[in-house]
Amino acid sequence: MINYNKNKLINECLSKYYETFAHTLDTADFVPEQYNDRILAYIFKNMRKAFKRLDREDKRFQKAFRKKAKAKIKKRKGGL
């Protein structure tokens, strides 16, 4: 089963970080390389945190989805 919810969350997360990278690329010629390395490390660190939050949120969503599906099946079987 394809997890559409997680794919949607990942796309949203990545689009935000790509936008951030675009802003740093505009200043790459004017800012010292050492400072840019720190900025990129900070961006990657935050992206990893965002993916962890995304995984937790998806886990909650999948749990609720399975619970609803189980209740629906149980209701159908009880109605027969």
Protein backbone atom coordinates (compact mmCIF):
# COMPACT_ATOMS: atom_id res chain seq x y z
CA MET A 1 0.00 0.00 0.00
CA ILE A 2 1.40 3.40 -0.98
CA ASN A 3 1.45 5.87 1.85
CA TYR A 4 0.06 9.01 0.20
CA ASN A 5 -0.06 10.98 3.44
CA LYS A 6 3.67 10.61 4.07
CA ASN A 7 4.52 11.43 0.46
CA LYS A 8 2.46 14.61 0.69
CA LEU A 9 4.21 15.62 3.94
CA ILE A 10 7.66 14.87 2.50
CA ASN A 11 6.95 16.97 -0.60
CA GLU A 12 5.81 19.89 1.54
CA CYS A 13 8.88 19.62 3.78
CA LEU A 14 11.31 19.40 0.88
CA SER A 15 9.77 22.35 -0.94
CA LYS A 16 10.39 24.53 2.13
CA TYR A 17 14.01 23.44 2.35
CA TYR A 18 14.61 23.86 -1.37
CA GLU A 19 13.34 27.40 -1.01
CA THR A 20 15.83 27.93 1.84
CA PHE A 21 18.66 26.56 -0.32
CA ALA A 22 17.67 28.92 -3.11
CA HIS A 23 18.11 31.87 -0.76
CA THR A 24 21.56 30.67 0.30
CA LEU A 25 22.67 30.16 -3.32
CA ASP A 26 21.93 33.79 -4.10
CA THR A 27 24.44 34.89 -1.45
CA ALA A 28 27.08 32.18 -2.02
CA ASP A 29 29.36 34.53 -3.98
CA PHE A 30 29.34 37.26 -1.32
CA VAL A 31 29.53 35.25 1.91
CA PRO A 32 32.70 33.44 3.06
CA GLU A 33 32.72 29.69 2.37
CA GLN A 34 33.19 28.79 6.04
CA TYR A 35 30.02 30.67 6.98
CA ASN A 36 28.09 29.02 4.12
CA ASP A 37 29.21 25.60 5.38
CA ARG A 38 27.78 26.40 8.80
CA ILE A 39 24.52 27.57 7.25
CA LEU A 40 24.20 24.38 5.19
CA ALA A 41 24.97 22.21 8.24
CA TYR A 42 22.25 24.07 10.16
CA ILE A 43 19.77 23.57 7.32
CA PHE A 44 20.51 19.82 7.13
CA LYS A 45 20.21 19.47 10.90
CA ASN A 46 16.80 21.12 10.84
CA MET A 47 15.74 19.01 7.86
CA ARG A 48 16.58 15.83 9.78
CA LYS A 49 14.48 17.09 12.71
CA ALA A 50 11.63 17.87 10.35
CA PHE A 51 11.75 14.36 8.89
CA LYS A 52 11.62 12.87 12.40
CA ARG A 53 8.54 14.98 13.18
CA LEU A 54 7.09 13.93 9.85
CA ASP A 55 7.60 10.25 10.68
CA ARG A 56 5.90 10.68 14.06
CA GLU A 57 2.94 12.49 12.51
CA ASP A 58 2.60 9.85 9.82
CA LYS A 59 2.70 7.11 12.45
CA ARG A 60 -0.21 8.80 14.27
CA PHE A 61 -2.13 9.18 11.01
CA GLN A 62 -1.61 5.53 10.05
CA LYS A 63 -2.73 4.39 13.51
CA ALA A 64 -5.95 6.41 13.25
CA PHE A 65 -6.50 5.23 9.68
CA ARG A 66 -6.16 1.55 10.66
CA LYS A 67 -8.50 2.09 13.62
CA LYS A 68 -11.17 3.61 11.36
CA ALA A 69 -10.76 0.83 8.81
CA LYS A 70 -11.10 -1.81 11.52
CA ALA A 71 -14.26 -0.15 12.86
CA LYS A 72 -15.72 0.02 9.34
CA ILE A 73 -15.04 -3.69 8.75
CA LYS A 74 -16.46 -4.60 12.15
CA LYS A 75 -19.59 -2.56 11.40
CA ARG A 76 -20.04 -4.29 8.03
CA LYS A 77 -19.64 -7.75 9.54
CA GLY A 78 -22.04 -6.90 12.36
CA GLY A 79 -24.64 -5.66 9.86
CA LEU A 80 -24.73 -8.93 7.92
